[in-house]
Amino acid sequence: MKTFLKENWYKLMIGSSMIMTSFGFMIYAISPSYANNNISKQNIDQNIGGKDWNQYDFLIDDKNQIWYHDKNSNKRDWYYLKTVKN
């Protein structure tokens, strides 16, 4: 073992630096992945259905459909509101 390390230390150093570089590149490539949703900050029409929309949370999915649920309710069921065009 001692002679193996003495003769091949540079191969071990190169291999370990290559594996650390590959992990670093993988983390760098994966971490900035975010969803692209251009209409998420669009104002919701306050007159739809005659409800007070301030007490509801909204969600816009990848098909541009708006879903809502009551902030004060224990249930976390989402209800369909409408589809938004870009």
N, C-alpha and C. Protein backbone atom coordinates (compact mmCIF):
# COMPACT_ATOMS: atom_id res chain seq x y z
N MET A 1 0.83 -1.20 0.00
CA MET A 1 0.00 0.00 0.00
C MET A 1 0.87 1.25 0.00
N LYS A 2 1.95 1.20 0.77
CA LYS A 2 2.83 2.35 0.86
C LYS A 2 3.50 2.64 -0.48
N THR A 3 3.90 1.60 -1.16
CA THR A 3 4.54 1.80 -2.46
C THR A 3 3.52 2.25 -3.51
N PHE A 4 2.29 1.75 -3.39
CA PHE A 4 1.24 2.17 -4.33
C PHE A 4 0.99 3.67 -4.22
N LEU A 5 0.88 4.18 -2.98
CA LEU A 5 0.68 5.62 -2.78
C LEU A 5 1.90 6.42 -3.24
N LYS A 6 3.08 5.88 -3.00
CA LYS A 6 4.30 6.56 -3.37
C LYS A 6 4.42 6.69 -4.89
N GLU A 7 3.98 5.66 -5.62
CA GLU A 7 4.11 5.66 -7.07
C GLU A 7 2.93 6.31 -7.80
N ASN A 8 1.76 6.33 -7.19
CA ASN A 8 0.55 6.79 -7.87
C ASN A 8 -0.15 7.96 -7.17
N TRP A 9 0.56 8.73 -6.39
CA TRP A 9 -0.07 9.83 -5.66
C TRP A 9 -0.65 10.87 -6.60
N TYR A 10 0.00 11.13 -7.72
CA TYR A 10 -0.49 12.14 -8.66
C TYR A 10 -1.79 11.69 -9.32
N LYS A 11 -1.94 10.39 -9.57
CA LYS A 11 -3.20 9.88 -10.15
C LYS A 11 -4.34 10.04 -9.15
N LEU A 12 -4.07 9.80 -7.90
CA LEU A 12 -5.09 9.97 -6.86
C LEU A 12 -5.48 11.45 -6.71
N MET A 13 -4.51 12.34 -6.79
CA MET A 13 -4.79 13.78 -6.67
C MET A 13 -5.60 14.26 -7.88
N ILE A 14 -5.23 13.84 -9.06
CA ILE A 14 -5.97 14.25 -10.25
C ILE A 14 -7.39 13.69 -10.22
N GLY A 15 -7.55 12.43 -9.85
CA GLY A 15 -8.87 11.81 -9.78
C GLY A 15 -9.76 12.48 -8.75
N SER A 16 -9.21 12.78 -7.57
CA SER A 16 -10.04 13.42 -6.53
C SER A 16 -10.40 14.85 -6.93
N SER A 17 -9.48 15.58 -7.59
CA SER A 17 -9.83 16.93 -8.02
C SER A 17 -10.87 16.90 -9.14
N MET A 18 -10.81 15.89 -10.01
CA MET A 18 -11.81 15.77 -11.07
C MET A 18 -13.19 15.46 -10.49
N ILE A 19 -13.26 14.62 -9.49
CA ILE A 19 -14.58 14.30 -8.90
C ILE A 19 -15.13 15.49 -8.14
N MET A 20 -14.28 16.25 -7.45
CA MET A 20 -14.77 17.45 -6.77
C MET A 20 -15.24 18.50 -7.78
N THR A 21 -14.54 18.63 -8.89
CA THR A 21 -14.95 19.57 -9.93
C THR A 21 -16.28 19.16 -10.53
N SER A 22 -16.47 17.87 -10.75
CA SER A 22 -17.74 17.42 -11.34
C SER A 22 -18.90 17.67 -10.38
N PHE A 23 -18.70 17.46 -9.07
CA PHE A 23 -19.76 17.77 -8.11
C PHE A 23 -20.05 19.26 -8.07
N GLY A 24 -19.00 20.08 -8.12
CA GLY A 24 -19.20 21.52 -8.13
C GLY A 24 -19.96 21.99 -9.36
N PHE A 25 -19.62 21.44 -10.51
CA PHE A 25 -20.33 21.81 -11.73
C PHE A 25 -21.78 21.35 -11.68
N MET A 26 -22.04 20.17 -11.13
CA MET A 26 -23.41 19.67 -11.02
C MET A 26 -24.24 20.60 -10.13
N ILE A 27 -23.70 21.02 -9.00
CA ILE A 27 -24.43 21.93 -8.11
C ILE A 27 -24.63 23.28 -8.78
N TYR A 28 -23.62 23.77 -9.49
CA TYR A 28 -23.74 25.04 -10.20
C TYR A 28 -24.80 24.97 -11.29
N ALA A 29 -24.90 23.85 -11.98
CA ALA A 29 -25.84 23.71 -13.09
C ALA A 29 -27.27 23.52 -12.60
N ILE A 30 -27.46 22.88 -11.48
CA ILE A 30 -28.80 22.55 -11.00
C ILE A 30 -29.41 23.69 -10.17
N SER A 31 -28.64 24.38 -9.37
CA SER A 31 -29.19 25.33 -8.41
C SER A 31 -29.94 26.51 -9.02
N PRO A 32 -29.57 27.07 -10.19
CA PRO A 32 -30.35 28.22 -10.68
C PRO A 32 -31.60 27.85 -11.46
N SER A 33 -32.07 26.64 -11.35
CA SER A 33 -33.26 26.22 -12.09
C SER A 33 -34.51 26.72 -11.36
N TYR A 34 -35.25 27.60 -12.00
CA TYR A 34 -36.46 28.16 -11.42
C TYR A 34 -37.60 28.03 -12.42
N ALA A 35 -38.81 28.06 -11.92
CA ALA A 35 -39.98 28.04 -12.80
C ALA A 35 -40.12 29.40 -13.46
N ASN A 36 -40.54 29.40 -14.69
CA ASN A 36 -40.74 30.65 -15.42
C ASN A 36 -42.24 30.88 -15.54
N ASN A 37 -42.75 31.80 -14.73
CA ASN A 37 -44.17 32.10 -14.74
C ASN A 37 -44.32 33.61 -14.85
N ASN A 38 -44.61 34.08 -16.05
CA ASN A 38 -44.65 35.52 -16.30
C ASN A 38 -45.91 36.19 -15.79
N ILE A 39 -46.98 35.43 -15.54
CA ILE A 39 -48.24 36.07 -15.16
C ILE A 39 -48.54 35.90 -13.67
N SER A 40 -47.59 35.46 -12.86
CA SER A 40 -47.86 35.19 -11.46
C SER A 40 -48.20 36.45 -10.67
N LYS A 41 -47.80 37.64 -11.13
CA LYS A 41 -48.08 38.87 -10.41
C LYS A 41 -49.21 39.66 -11.03
N GLN A 42 -49.94 39.03 -11.89
CA GLN A 42 -51.05 39.72 -12.55
C GLN A 42 -52.16 39.99 -11.54
N ASN A 43 -52.80 41.15 -11.66
CA ASN A 43 -53.89 41.50 -10.75
C ASN A 43 -55.12 40.64 -11.07
N ILE A 44 -55.75 40.14 -10.02
CA ILE A 44 -56.96 39.35 -10.17
C ILE A 44 -58.15 40.31 -10.15
N ASP A 45 -59.09 40.10 -11.06
CA ASP A 45 -60.27 40.96 -11.12
C ASP A 45 -61.06 40.81 -9.82
N GLN A 46 -61.28 41.93 -9.13
CA GLN A 46 -61.93 41.90 -7.82
C GLN A 46 -63.42 41.64 -7.90
N ASN A 47 -64.01 41.70 -9.07
CA ASN A 47 -65.46 41.56 -9.19
C ASN A 47 -65.91 40.16 -9.63
N ILE A 48 -65.02 39.22 -9.76
CA ILE A 48 -65.42 37.88 -10.19
C ILE A 48 -66.17 37.18 -9.05
N GLY A 49 -67.39 36.80 -9.30
CA GLY A 49 -68.16 36.03 -8.33
C GLY A 49 -68.64 36.81 -7.13
N GLY A 50 -68.38 38.08 -7.04
CA GLY A 50 -68.86 38.90 -5.93
C GLY A 50 -68.23 38.57 -4.60
N LYS A 51 -67.03 38.00 -4.57
CA LYS A 51 -66.37 37.64 -3.32
C LYS A 51 -65.36 38.72 -2.93
N ASP A 52 -65.02 38.76 -1.65
CA ASP A 52 -63.95 39.62 -1.19
C ASP A 52 -62.65 38.84 -1.37
N TRP A 53 -61.90 39.14 -2.43
CA TRP A 53 -60.74 38.33 -2.81
C TRP A 53 -59.53 38.56 -1.91
N ASN A 54 -59.60 39.48 -0.97
CA ASN A 54 -58.48 39.71 -0.07
C ASN A 54 -58.29 38.57 0.93
N GLN A 55 -59.31 37.77 1.16
CA GLN A 55 -59.20 36.67 2.11
C GLN A 55 -58.85 35.34 1.44
N TYR A 56 -58.40 35.37 0.19
CA TYR A 56 -58.06 34.16 -0.54
C TYR A 56 -56.61 34.18 -1.00
N ASP A 57 -56.00 32.99 -1.07
CA ASP A 57 -54.69 32.82 -1.67
C ASP A 57 -54.89 32.32 -3.09
N PHE A 58 -53.99 32.73 -3.98
CA PHE A 58 -54.11 32.37 -5.39
C PHE A 58 -52.90 31.57 -5.84
N LEU A 59 -53.12 30.72 -6.83
CA LEU A 59 -52.07 29.91 -7.42
C LEU A 59 -52.30 29.89 -8.93
N ILE A 60 -51.24 30.12 -9.70
CA ILE A 60 -51.33 30.03 -11.15
C ILE A 60 -50.44 28.88 -11.60
N ASP A 61 -51.03 27.89 -12.27
CA ASP A 61 -50.27 26.72 -12.67
C ASP A 61 -49.64 26.91 -14.05
N ASP A 62 -49.00 25.84 -14.54
CA ASP A 62 -48.28 25.93 -15.81
C ASP A 62 -49.20 26.02 -17.02
N LYS A 63 -50.49 25.80 -16.85
CA LYS A 63 -51.46 25.94 -17.94
C LYS A 63 -52.18 27.28 -17.87
N ASN A 64 -51.65 28.22 -17.07
CA ASN A 64 -52.21 29.56 -16.86
C ASN A 64 -53.62 29.52 -16.29
N GLN A 65 -53.89 28.54 -15.46
CA GLN A 65 -55.18 28.45 -14.77
C GLN A 65 -55.01 29.02 -13.36
N ILE A 66 -55.97 29.82 -12.94
CA ILE A 66 -55.93 30.42 -11.60
C ILE A 66 -56.76 29.57 -10.65
N TRP A 67 -56.15 29.21 -9.52
CA TRP A 67 -56.80 28.43 -8.46
C TRP A 67 -56.79 29.27 -7.20
N TYR A 68 -57.77 29.08 -6.32
CA TYR A 68 -57.83 29.86 -5.08
C TYR A 68 -58.30 28.98 -3.93
N HIS A 69 -57.98 29.41 -2.71
CA HIS A 69 -58.55 28.81 -1.51
C HIS A 69 -58.60 29.85 -0.40
N ASP A 70 -59.46 29.60 0.58
CA ASP A 70 -59.68 30.52 1.68
C ASP A 70 -58.49 30.48 2.64
N LYS A 71 -57.96 31.65 3.00
CA LYS A 71 -56.82 31.72 3.92
C LYS A 71 -57.18 31.23 5.31
N ASN A 72 -58.42 31.46 5.73
CA ASN A 72 -58.83 31.15 7.09
C ASN A 72 -59.35 29.73 7.27
N SER A 73 -59.53 29.02 6.19
CA SER A 73 -60.09 27.68 6.28
C SER A 73 -59.01 26.66 6.66
N ASN A 74 -59.42 25.64 7.39
CA ASN A 74 -58.51 24.54 7.71
C ASN A 74 -58.28 23.65 6.49
N LYS A 75 -59.24 23.62 5.59
CA LYS A 75 -59.10 22.84 4.37
C LYS A 75 -58.13 23.54 3.44
N ARG A 76 -57.32 22.78 2.76
CA ARG A 76 -56.39 23.35 1.79
C ARG A 76 -56.77 22.91 0.37
N ASP A 77 -58.08 22.80 0.11
CA ASP A 77 -58.55 22.45 -1.22
C ASP A 77 -58.47 23.67 -2.12
N TRP A 78 -57.94 23.48 -3.34
CA TRP A 78 -57.85 24.56 -4.31
C TRP A 78 -59.03 24.46 -5.26
N TYR A 79 -59.64 25.60 -5.57
CA TYR A 79 -60.80 25.67 -6.45
C TYR A 79 -60.44 26.45 -7.71
N TYR A 80 -60.92 25.96 -8.84
CA TYR A 80 -60.62 26.60 -10.12
C TYR A 80 -61.37 27.91 -10.27
N LEU A 81 -60.69 28.95 -10.71
CA LEU A 81 -61.32 30.25 -10.93
C LEU A 81 -61.48 30.53 -12.41
N LYS A 82 -60.38 30.61 -13.15
CA LYS A 82 -60.46 30.86 -14.59
C LYS A 82 -59.08 30.62 -15.22
N THR A 83 -59.05 30.65 -16.55
CA THR A 83 -57.80 30.53 -17.30
C THR A 83 -57.41 31.91 -17.83
N VAL A 84 -56.15 32.24 -17.68
CA VAL A 84 -55.65 33.56 -18.09
C VAL A 84 -54.89 33.40 -19.39
N LYS A 85 -55.10 34.33 -20.31
CA LYS A 85 -54.35 34.34 -21.57
C LYS A 85 -53.14 35.24 -21.41
N ASN A 86 -52.04 34.86 -22.04
CA ASN A 86 -50.82 35.69 -21.99
C ASN A 86 -50.97 36.95 -22.78
